[in-house]
mmCIF file of all heavy atoms, coordinates in Angstrom:
data_MODEL
# 
_entry.id   MODEL 
# 
loop_
_atom_site.group_PDB 
_atom_site.id 
_atom_site.type_symbol 
_atom_site.label_atom_id 
_atom_site.label_alt_id 
_atom_site.label_comp_id 
_atom_site.label_asym_id 
_atom_site.label_entity_id 
_atom_site.label_seq_id 
_atom_site.pdbx_PDB_ins_code 
_atom_site.Cartn_x 
_atom_site.Cartn_y 
_atom_site.Cartn_z 
_atom_site.occupancy 
_atom_site.B_iso_or_equiv 
_atom_site.pdbx_formal_charge 
_atom_site.auth_seq_id 
_atom_site.auth_comp_id 
_atom_site.auth_asym_id 
_atom_site.auth_atom_id 
_atom_site.pdbx_PDB_model_num 
ATOM 1   N N   . ILE A 1 1  ? 0.822   -1.210 0.001   1.00 0.00 ? 1  ILE A N   1 
ATOM 2   C CA  . ILE A 1 1  ? -0.002  0.002  0.006   1.00 0.00 ? 1  ILE A CA  1 
ATOM 3   C C   . ILE A 1 1  ? 0.859   1.255  0.007   1.00 0.00 ? 1  ILE A C   1 
ATOM 4   O O   . ILE A 1 1  ? 0.535   2.229  -0.669  1.00 0.00 ? 1  ILE A O   1 
ATOM 5   C CB  . ILE A 1 1  ? -0.967  0.007  1.204   1.00 0.00 ? 1  ILE A CB  1 
ATOM 6   C CG1 . ILE A 1 1  ? -2.021  -1.056 1.006   1.00 0.00 ? 1  ILE A CG1 1 
ATOM 7   C CG2 . ILE A 1 1  ? -1.619  1.365  1.380   1.00 0.00 ? 1  ILE A CG2 1 
ATOM 8   C CD1 . ILE A 1 1  ? -2.990  -1.195 2.123   1.00 0.00 ? 1  ILE A CD1 1 
ATOM 9   N N   . ALA A 1 2  ? 1.982   1.272  0.730   1.00 0.00 ? 2  ALA A N   1 
ATOM 10  C CA  . ALA A 1 2  ? 2.813   2.454  0.800   1.00 0.00 ? 2  ALA A CA  1 
ATOM 11  C C   . ALA A 1 2  ? 3.333   2.900  -0.558  1.00 0.00 ? 2  ALA A C   1 
ATOM 12  O O   . ALA A 1 2  ? 3.655   4.067  -0.753  1.00 0.00 ? 2  ALA A O   1 
ATOM 13  C CB  . ALA A 1 2  ? 3.989   2.200  1.743   1.00 0.00 ? 2  ALA A CB  1 
ATOM 14  N N   . HIS A 1 3  ? 3.424   2.005  -1.527  1.00 0.00 ? 3  HIS A N   1 
ATOM 15  C CA  . HIS A 1 3  ? 3.942   2.343  -2.837  1.00 0.00 ? 3  HIS A CA  1 
ATOM 16  C C   . HIS A 1 3  ? 2.862   2.715  -3.832  1.00 0.00 ? 3  HIS A C   1 
ATOM 17  O O   . HIS A 1 3  ? 3.176   3.107  -4.956  1.00 0.00 ? 3  HIS A O   1 
ATOM 18  C CB  . HIS A 1 3  ? 4.783   1.161  -3.396  1.00 0.00 ? 3  HIS A CB  1 
ATOM 19  C CG  . HIS A 1 3  ? 5.948   0.859  -2.542  1.00 0.00 ? 3  HIS A CG  1 
ATOM 20  N ND1 . HIS A 1 3  ? 6.991   1.738  -2.332  1.00 0.00 ? 3  HIS A ND1 1 
ATOM 21  C CD2 . HIS A 1 3  ? 6.251   -0.251 -1.806  1.00 0.00 ? 3  HIS A CD2 1 
ATOM 22  C CE1 . HIS A 1 3  ? 7.889   1.174  -1.534  1.00 0.00 ? 3  HIS A CE1 1 
ATOM 23  N NE2 . HIS A 1 3  ? 7.457   -0.021 -1.199  1.00 0.00 ? 3  HIS A NE2 1 
ATOM 24  N N   . MET A 1 4  ? 1.628   2.577  -3.452  1.00 0.00 ? 4  MET A N   1 
ATOM 25  C CA  . MET A 1 4  ? 0.536   2.930  -4.354  1.00 0.00 ? 4  MET A CA  1 
ATOM 26  C C   . MET A 1 4  ? 0.396   4.455  -4.372  1.00 0.00 ? 4  MET A C   1 
ATOM 27  O O   . MET A 1 4  ? 0.375   5.089  -3.327  1.00 0.00 ? 4  MET A O   1 
ATOM 28  C CB  . MET A 1 4  ? -0.753  2.255  -3.929  1.00 0.00 ? 4  MET A CB  1 
ATOM 29  C CG  . MET A 1 4  ? -0.698  0.739  -4.045  1.00 0.00 ? 4  MET A CG  1 
ATOM 30  S SD  . MET A 1 4  ? -2.174  -0.061 -3.490  1.00 0.00 ? 4  MET A SD  1 
ATOM 31  C CE  . MET A 1 4  ? -3.283  0.373  -4.791  1.00 0.00 ? 4  MET A CE  1 
ATOM 32  N N   . PRO A 1 5  ? 0.290   5.068  -5.562  1.00 0.00 ? 5  PRO A N   1 
ATOM 33  C CA  . PRO A 1 5  ? 0.249   6.528  -5.628  1.00 0.00 ? 5  PRO A CA  1 
ATOM 34  C C   . PRO A 1 5  ? -0.971  7.186  -5.001  1.00 0.00 ? 5  PRO A C   1 
ATOM 35  O O   . PRO A 1 5  ? -0.880  8.321  -4.555  1.00 0.00 ? 5  PRO A O   1 
ATOM 36  C CB  . PRO A 1 5  ? 0.299   6.810  -7.122  1.00 0.00 ? 5  PRO A CB  1 
ATOM 37  C CG  . PRO A 1 5  ? -0.183  5.553  -7.773  1.00 0.00 ? 5  PRO A CG  1 
ATOM 38  C CD  . PRO A 1 5  ? 0.191   4.432  -6.846  1.00 0.00 ? 5  PRO A CD  1 
ATOM 39  N N   . SER A 1 6  ? -2.101  6.530  -4.930  1.00 0.00 ? 6  SER A N   1 
ATOM 40  C CA  . SER A 1 6  ? -3.316  7.162  -4.410  1.00 0.00 ? 6  SER A CA  1 
ATOM 41  C C   . SER A 1 6  ? -3.490  6.982  -2.904  1.00 0.00 ? 6  SER A C   1 
ATOM 42  O O   . SER A 1 6  ? -4.493  7.370  -2.353  1.00 0.00 ? 6  SER A O   1 
ATOM 43  C CB  . SER A 1 6  ? -4.540  6.642  -5.151  1.00 0.00 ? 6  SER A CB  1 
ATOM 44  O OG  . SER A 1 6  ? -4.686  5.284  -4.877  1.00 0.00 ? 6  SER A OG  1 
ATOM 45  N N   . VAL A 1 7  ? -2.539  6.366  -2.254  1.00 0.00 ? 7  VAL A N   1 
ATOM 46  C CA  . VAL A 1 7  ? -2.662  6.092  -0.835  1.00 0.00 ? 7  VAL A CA  1 
ATOM 47  C C   . VAL A 1 7  ? -1.490  6.692  -0.077  1.00 0.00 ? 7  VAL A C   1 
ATOM 48  O O   . VAL A 1 7  ? -0.338  6.501  -0.475  1.00 0.00 ? 7  VAL A O   1 
ATOM 49  C CB  . VAL A 1 7  ? -2.755  4.560  -0.561  1.00 0.00 ? 7  VAL A CB  1 
ATOM 50  C CG1 . VAL A 1 7  ? -2.858  4.287  0.927   1.00 0.00 ? 7  VAL A CG1 1 
ATOM 51  C CG2 . VAL A 1 7  ? -3.929  3.961  -1.291  1.00 0.00 ? 7  VAL A CG2 1 
ATOM 52  N N   . GLN A 1 8  ? -1.765  7.413  0.989   1.00 0.00 ? 8  GLN A N   1 
ATOM 53  C CA  . GLN A 1 8  ? -0.703  7.983  1.819   1.00 0.00 ? 8  GLN A CA  1 
ATOM 54  C C   . GLN A 1 8  ? -0.180  6.911  2.759   1.00 0.00 ? 8  GLN A C   1 
ATOM 55  O O   . GLN A 1 8  ? -0.801  5.865  2.966   1.00 0.00 ? 8  GLN A O   1 
ATOM 56  C CB  . GLN A 1 8  ? -1.228  9.152  2.638   1.00 0.00 ? 8  GLN A CB  1 
ATOM 57  C CG  . GLN A 1 8  ? -1.671  10.315 1.795   1.00 0.00 ? 8  GLN A CG  1 
ATOM 58  C CD  . GLN A 1 8  ? -2.288  11.412 2.638   1.00 0.00 ? 8  GLN A CD  1 
ATOM 59  O OE1 . GLN A 1 8  ? -2.704  11.171 3.769   1.00 0.00 ? 8  GLN A OE1 1 
ATOM 60  N NE2 . GLN A 1 8  ? -2.353  12.603 2.079   1.00 0.00 ? 8  GLN A NE2 1 
ATOM 61  N N   . ARG A 1 9  ? 0.945   7.176  3.388   1.00 0.00 ? 9  ARG A N   1 
ATOM 62  C CA  . ARG A 1 9  ? 1.530   6.202  4.330   1.00 0.00 ? 9  ARG A CA  1 
ATOM 63  C C   . ARG A 1 9  ? 0.615   5.891  5.497   1.00 0.00 ? 9  ARG A C   1 
ATOM 64  O O   . ARG A 1 9  ? 0.626   4.814  6.024   1.00 0.00 ? 9  ARG A O   1 
ATOM 65  C CB  . ARG A 1 9  ? 2.878   6.712  4.829   1.00 0.00 ? 9  ARG A CB  1 
ATOM 66  C CG  . ARG A 1 9  ? 3.922   6.698  3.769   1.00 0.00 ? 9  ARG A CG  1 
ATOM 67  C CD  . ARG A 1 9  ? 5.285   6.949  4.394   1.00 0.00 ? 9  ARG A CD  1 
ATOM 68  N NE  . ARG A 1 9  ? 6.275   7.112  3.371   1.00 0.00 ? 9  ARG A NE  1 
ATOM 69  C CZ  . ARG A 1 9  ? 6.990   6.133  2.845   1.00 0.00 ? 9  ARG A CZ  1 
ATOM 70  N NH1 . ARG A 1 9  ? 6.791   4.897  3.231   1.00 0.00 ? 9  ARG A NH1 1 
ATOM 71  N NH2 . ARG A 1 9  ? 7.868   6.358  1.911   1.00 0.00 ? 9  ARG A NH2 1 
ATOM 72  N N   . ALA A 1 10 ? -0.163  6.838  5.959   1.00 0.00 ? 10 ALA A N   1 
ATOM 73  C CA  . ALA A 1 10 ? -1.067  6.608  7.084   1.00 0.00 ? 10 ALA A CA  1 
ATOM 74  C C   . ALA A 1 10 ? -2.246  5.747  6.708   1.00 0.00 ? 10 ALA A C   1 
ATOM 75  O O   . ALA A 1 10 ? -3.039  5.369  7.552   1.00 0.00 ? 10 ALA A O   1 
ATOM 76  C CB  . ALA A 1 10 ? -1.551  7.945  7.636   1.00 0.00 ? 10 ALA A CB  1 
ATOM 77  N N   . GLY A 1 11 ? -2.347  5.393  5.423   1.00 0.00 ? 11 GLY A N   1 
ATOM 78  C CA  . GLY A 1 11 ? -3.430  4.524  4.995   1.00 0.00 ? 11 GLY A CA  1 
ATOM 79  C C   . GLY A 1 11 ? -4.664  5.277  4.540   1.00 0.00 ? 11 GLY A C   1 
ATOM 80  O O   . GLY A 1 11 ? -5.660  4.695  4.185   1.00 0.00 ? 11 GLY A O   1 
ATOM 81  N N   . LYS A 1 12 ? -4.599  6.618  4.535   1.00 0.00 ? 12 LYS A N   1 
ATOM 82  C CA  . LYS A 1 12 ? -5.725  7.405  4.085   1.00 0.00 ? 12 LYS A CA  1 
ATOM 83  C C   . LYS A 1 12 ? -5.634  7.599  2.584   1.00 0.00 ? 12 LYS A C   1 
ATOM 84  O O   . LYS A 1 12 ? -4.574  7.817  2.041   1.00 0.00 ? 12 LYS A O   1 
ATOM 85  C CB  . LYS A 1 12 ? -5.727  8.775  4.767   1.00 0.00 ? 12 LYS A CB  1 
ATOM 86  C CG  . LYS A 1 12 ? -5.942  8.682  6.260   1.00 0.00 ? 12 LYS A CG  1 
ATOM 87  C CD  . LYS A 1 12 ? -5.930  10.070 6.850   1.00 0.00 ? 12 LYS A CD  1 
ATOM 88  C CE  . LYS A 1 12 ? -6.072  9.992  8.367   1.00 0.00 ? 12 LYS A CE  1 
ATOM 89  N NZ  . LYS A 1 12 ? -5.975  11.317 8.967   1.00 0.00 ? 12 LYS A NZ  1 
ATOM 90  N N   . ILE A 1 13 ? -6.757  7.521  1.938   1.00 0.00 ? 13 ILE A N   1 
ATOM 91  C CA  . ILE A 1 13 ? -6.796  7.730  0.495   1.00 0.00 ? 13 ILE A CA  1 
ATOM 92  C C   . ILE A 1 13 ? -6.773  9.231  0.227   1.00 0.00 ? 13 ILE A C   1 
ATOM 93  O O   . ILE A 1 13 ? -7.529  9.990  0.806   1.00 0.00 ? 13 ILE A O   1 
ATOM 94  C CB  . ILE A 1 13 ? -8.076  7.102  -0.119  1.00 0.00 ? 13 ILE A CB  1 
ATOM 95  C CG1 . ILE A 1 13 ? -8.026  5.598  0.086   1.00 0.00 ? 13 ILE A CG1 1 
ATOM 96  C CG2 . ILE A 1 13 ? -8.195  7.463  -1.600  1.00 0.00 ? 13 ILE A CG2 1 
ATOM 97  C CD1 . ILE A 1 13 ? -9.271  4.887  -0.374  1.00 0.00 ? 13 ILE A CD1 1 
ATOM 98  N N   . LYS A 1 14 ? -5.887  9.641  -0.657  1.00 0.00 ? 14 LYS A N   1 
ATOM 99  C CA  . LYS A 1 14 ? -5.821  11.050 -1.036  1.00 0.00 ? 14 LYS A CA  1 
ATOM 100 C C   . LYS A 1 14 ? -7.066  11.401 -1.832  1.00 0.00 ? 14 LYS A C   1 
ATOM 101 O O   . LYS A 1 14 ? -7.480  10.651 -2.706  1.00 0.00 ? 14 LYS A O   1 
ATOM 102 C CB  . LYS A 1 14 ? -4.572  11.325 -1.913  1.00 0.00 ? 14 LYS A CB  1 
ATOM 103 C CG  . LYS A 1 14 ? -3.271  11.242 -1.202  1.00 0.00 ? 14 LYS A CG  1 
ATOM 104 C CD  . LYS A 1 14 ? -2.174  11.587 -2.183  1.00 0.00 ? 14 LYS A CD  1 
ATOM 105 C CE  . LYS A 1 14 ? -0.825  11.408 -1.577  1.00 0.00 ? 14 LYS A CE  1 
ATOM 106 N NZ  . LYS A 1 14 ? 0.260   11.683 -2.540  1.00 0.00 ? 14 LYS A NZ  1 
ATOM 107 N N   . SER A 1 15 ? -7.614  12.548 -1.534  1.00 0.00 ? 15 SER A N   1 
ATOM 108 C CA  . SER A 1 15 ? -8.761  12.963 -2.341  1.00 0.00 ? 15 SER A CA  1 
ATOM 109 C C   . SER A 1 15 ? -8.241  13.665 -3.584  1.00 0.00 ? 15 SER A C   1 
ATOM 110 O O   . SER A 1 15 ? -7.452  14.578 -3.481  1.00 0.00 ? 15 SER A O   1 
ATOM 111 C CB  . SER A 1 15 ? -9.666  13.894 -1.528  1.00 0.00 ? 15 SER A CB  1 
ATOM 112 O OG  . SER A 1 15 ? -8.979  15.060 -1.185  1.00 0.00 ? 15 SER A OG  1 
ATOM 113 N N   . GLN A 1 16 ? -8.674  13.208 -4.719  1.00 0.00 ? 16 GLN A N   1 
ATOM 114 C CA  . GLN A 1 16 ? -8.238  13.781 -5.970  1.00 0.00 ? 16 GLN A CA  1 
ATOM 115 C C   . GLN A 1 16 ? -9.079  15.014 -6.219  1.00 0.00 ? 16 GLN A C   1 
ATOM 116 O O   . GLN A 1 16 ? -10.288 15.025 -5.944  1.00 0.00 ? 16 GLN A O   1 
ATOM 117 C CB  . GLN A 1 16 ? -8.454  12.759 -7.082  1.00 0.00 ? 16 GLN A CB  1 
ATOM 118 C CG  . GLN A 1 16 ? -7.785  11.438 -6.766  1.00 0.00 ? 16 GLN A CG  1 
ATOM 119 C CD  . GLN A 1 16 ? -6.845  11.026 -7.870  1.00 0.00 ? 16 GLN A CD  1 
ATOM 120 O OE1 . GLN A 1 16 ? -6.932  11.487 -8.958  1.00 0.00 ? 16 GLN A OE1 1 
ATOM 121 N NE2 . GLN A 1 16 ? -5.934  10.144 -7.543  1.00 0.00 ? 16 GLN A NE2 1 
ATOM 122 N N   . PRO A 1 17 ? -8.464  16.088 -6.731  1.00 0.00 ? 17 PRO A N   1 
ATOM 123 C CA  . PRO A 1 17 ? -9.259  17.280 -7.014  1.00 0.00 ? 17 PRO A CA  1 
ATOM 124 C C   . PRO A 1 17 ? -10.317 16.985 -8.050  1.00 0.00 ? 17 PRO A C   1 
ATOM 125 O O   . PRO A 1 17 ? -10.037 16.342 -9.060  1.00 0.00 ? 17 PRO A O   1 
ATOM 126 C CB  . PRO A 1 17 ? -8.229  18.298 -7.532  1.00 0.00 ? 17 PRO A CB  1 
ATOM 127 C CG  . PRO A 1 17 ? -7.034  17.498 -7.910  1.00 0.00 ? 17 PRO A CG  1 
ATOM 128 C CD  . PRO A 1 17 ? -7.082  16.223 -7.113  1.00 0.00 ? 17 PRO A CD  1 
ATOM 129 N N   . GLN A 1 18 ? -11.528 17.436 -7.787  1.00 0.00 ? 18 GLN A N   1 
ATOM 130 C CA  . GLN A 1 18 ? -12.645 17.140 -8.692  1.00 0.00 ? 18 GLN A CA  1 
ATOM 131 C C   . GLN A 1 18 ? -12.791 18.262 -9.704  1.00 0.00 ? 18 GLN A C   1 
ATOM 132 O O   . GLN A 1 18 ? -12.627 19.429 -9.399  1.00 0.00 ? 18 GLN A O   1 
ATOM 133 C CB  . GLN A 1 18 ? -13.939 16.980 -7.888  1.00 0.00 ? 18 GLN A CB  1 
ATOM 134 C CG  . GLN A 1 18 ? -15.077 16.485 -8.715  1.00 0.00 ? 18 GLN A CG  1 
ATOM 135 C CD  . GLN A 1 18 ? -16.304 16.199 -7.878  1.00 0.00 ? 18 GLN A CD  1 
ATOM 136 O OE1 . GLN A 1 18 ? -16.483 16.769 -6.815  1.00 0.00 ? 18 GLN A OE1 1 
ATOM 137 N NE2 . GLN A 1 18 ? -17.154 15.320 -8.338  1.00 0.00 ? 18 GLN A NE2 1 
ATOM 138 N N   . ASP A 1 19 ? -13.095 17.886 -10.908 1.00 0.00 ? 19 ASP A N   1 
ATOM 139 C CA  . ASP A 1 19 ? -13.346 18.832 -11.984 1.00 0.00 ? 19 ASP A CA  1 
ATOM 140 C C   . ASP A 1 19 ? -14.524 19.732 -11.572 1.00 0.00 ? 19 ASP A C   1 
ATOM 141 O O   . ASP A 1 19 ? -15.581 19.222 -11.184 1.00 0.00 ? 19 ASP A O   1 
ATOM 142 C CB  . ASP A 1 19 ? -13.674 18.053 -13.255 1.00 0.00 ? 19 ASP A CB  1 
ATOM 143 C CG  . ASP A 1 19 ? -13.895 18.920 -14.469 1.00 0.00 ? 19 ASP A CG  1 
ATOM 144 O OD1 . ASP A 1 19 ? -13.838 20.156 -14.353 1.00 0.00 ? 19 ASP A OD1 1 
ATOM 145 O OD2 . ASP A 1 19 ? -14.117 18.346 -15.565 1.00 0.00 ? 19 ASP A OD2 1 
ATOM 146 N N   . PRO A 1 20 ? -14.363 21.062 -11.627 1.00 0.00 ? 20 PRO A N   1 
ATOM 147 C CA  . PRO A 1 20 ? -15.450 21.952 -11.223 1.00 0.00 ? 20 PRO A CA  1 
ATOM 148 C C   . PRO A 1 20 ? -16.737 21.754 -12.029 1.00 0.00 ? 20 PRO A C   1 
ATOM 149 O O   . PRO A 1 20 ? -17.836 21.917 -11.488 1.00 0.00 ? 20 PRO A O   1 
ATOM 150 C CB  . PRO A 1 20 ? -14.889 23.354 -11.444 1.00 0.00 ? 20 PRO A CB  1 
ATOM 151 C CG  . PRO A 1 20 ? -13.438 23.206 -11.632 1.00 0.00 ? 20 PRO A CG  1 
ATOM 152 C CD  . PRO A 1 20 ? -13.155 21.793 -12.002 1.00 0.00 ? 20 PRO A CD  1 
ATOM 153 N N   . LEU A 1 21 ? -16.598 21.399 -13.301 1.00 0.00 ? 21 LEU A N   1 
ATOM 154 C CA  . LEU A 1 21 ? -17.800 21.147 -14.104 1.00 0.00 ? 21 LEU A CA  1 
ATOM 155 C C   . LEU A 1 21 ? -18.540 19.909 -13.624 1.00 0.00 ? 21 LEU A C   1 
ATOM 156 O O   . LEU A 1 21 ? -19.769 19.906 -13.527 1.00 0.00 ? 21 LEU A O   1 
ATOM 157 C CB  . LEU A 1 21 ? -17.436 20.977 -15.576 1.00 0.00 ? 21 LEU A CB  1 
ATOM 158 C CG  . LEU A 1 21 ? -16.999 22.224 -16.320 1.00 0.00 ? 21 LEU A CG  1 
ATOM 159 C CD1 . LEU A 1 21 ? -16.637 21.865 -17.772 1.00 0.00 ? 21 LEU A CD1 1 
ATOM 160 C CD2 . LEU A 1 21 ? -18.079 23.285 -16.298 1.00 0.00 ? 21 LEU A CD2 1 
ATOM 161 N N   . ARG A 1 22 ? -17.815 18.846 -13.273 1.00 0.00 ? 22 ARG A N   1 
ATOM 162 C CA  . ARG A 1 22 ? -18.458 17.633 -12.760 1.00 0.00 ? 22 ARG A CA  1 
ATOM 163 C C   . ARG A 1 22 ? -19.119 17.917 -11.427 1.00 0.00 ? 22 ARG A C   1 
ATOM 164 O O   . ARG A 1 22 ? -20.227 17.468 -11.157 1.00 0.00 ? 22 ARG A O   1 
ATOM 165 C CB  . ARG A 1 22 ? -17.451 16.488 -12.645 1.00 0.00 ? 22 ARG A CB  1 
ATOM 166 C CG  . ARG A 1 22 ? -18.117 15.180 -12.271 1.00 0.00 ? 22 ARG A CG  1 
ATOM 167 C CD  . ARG A 1 22 ? -17.179 13.990 -12.365 1.00 0.00 ? 22 ARG A CD  1 
ATOM 168 N NE  . ARG A 1 22 ? -16.642 13.755 -13.679 1.00 0.00 ? 22 ARG A NE  1 
ATOM 169 C CZ  . ARG A 1 22 ? -17.282 13.142 -14.664 1.00 0.00 ? 22 ARG A CZ  1 
ATOM 170 N NH1 . ARG A 1 22 ? -18.508 12.703 -14.492 1.00 0.00 ? 22 ARG A NH1 1 
ATOM 171 N NH2 . ARG A 1 22 ? -16.680 12.924 -15.826 1.00 0.00 ? 22 ARG A NH2 1 
ATOM 172 N N   . LYS A 1 23 ? -18.435 18.682 -10.579 1.00 0.00 ? 23 LYS A N   1 
ATOM 173 C CA  . LYS A 1 23 ? -19.008 19.026 -9.258  1.00 0.00 ? 23 LYS A CA  1 
ATOM 174 C C   . LYS A 1 23 ? -20.313 19.816 -9.429  1.00 0.00 ? 23 LYS A C   1 
ATOM 175 O O   . LYS A 1 23 ? -21.312 19.548 -8.754  1.00 0.00 ? 23 LYS A O   1 
ATOM 176 C CB  . LYS A 1 23 ? -17.984 19.847 -8.464  1.00 0.00 ? 23 LYS A CB  1 
ATOM 177 C CG  . LYS A 1 23 ? -18.485 20.389 -7.151  1.00 0.00 ? 23 LYS A CG  1 
ATOM 178 C CD  . LYS A 1 23 ? -18.510 19.305 -6.100  1.00 0.00 ? 23 LYS A CD  1 
ATOM 179 C CE  . LYS A 1 23 ? -18.783 19.919 -4.739  1.00 0.00 ? 23 LYS A CE  1 
ATOM 180 N NZ  . LYS A 1 23 ? -20.084 19.528 -4.202  1.00 0.00 ? 23 LYS A NZ  1 
ATOM 181 N N   . ALA A 1 24 ? -20.312 20.791 -10.349 1.00 0.00 ? 24 ALA A N   1 
ATOM 182 C CA  . ALA A 1 24 ? -21.507 21.587 -10.618 1.00 0.00 ? 24 ALA A CA  1 
ATOM 183 C C   . ALA A 1 24 ? -22.638 20.701 -11.132 1.00 0.00 ? 24 ALA A C   1 
ATOM 184 O O   . ALA A 1 24 ? -23.800 20.862 -10.728 1.00 0.00 ? 24 ALA A O   1 
ATOM 185 C CB  . ALA A 1 24 ? -21.205 22.695 -11.610 1.00 0.00 ? 24 ALA A CB  1 
# 
C-alpha cells in the first residue's frame, strides 16, 4: 500500500481534485 500513488503512508486515500464542471 505504501507504494501505491493514491494512498498515503497513514493509509488514508488522497482525495483527488474534482473537476469543477463535474461538481456543478
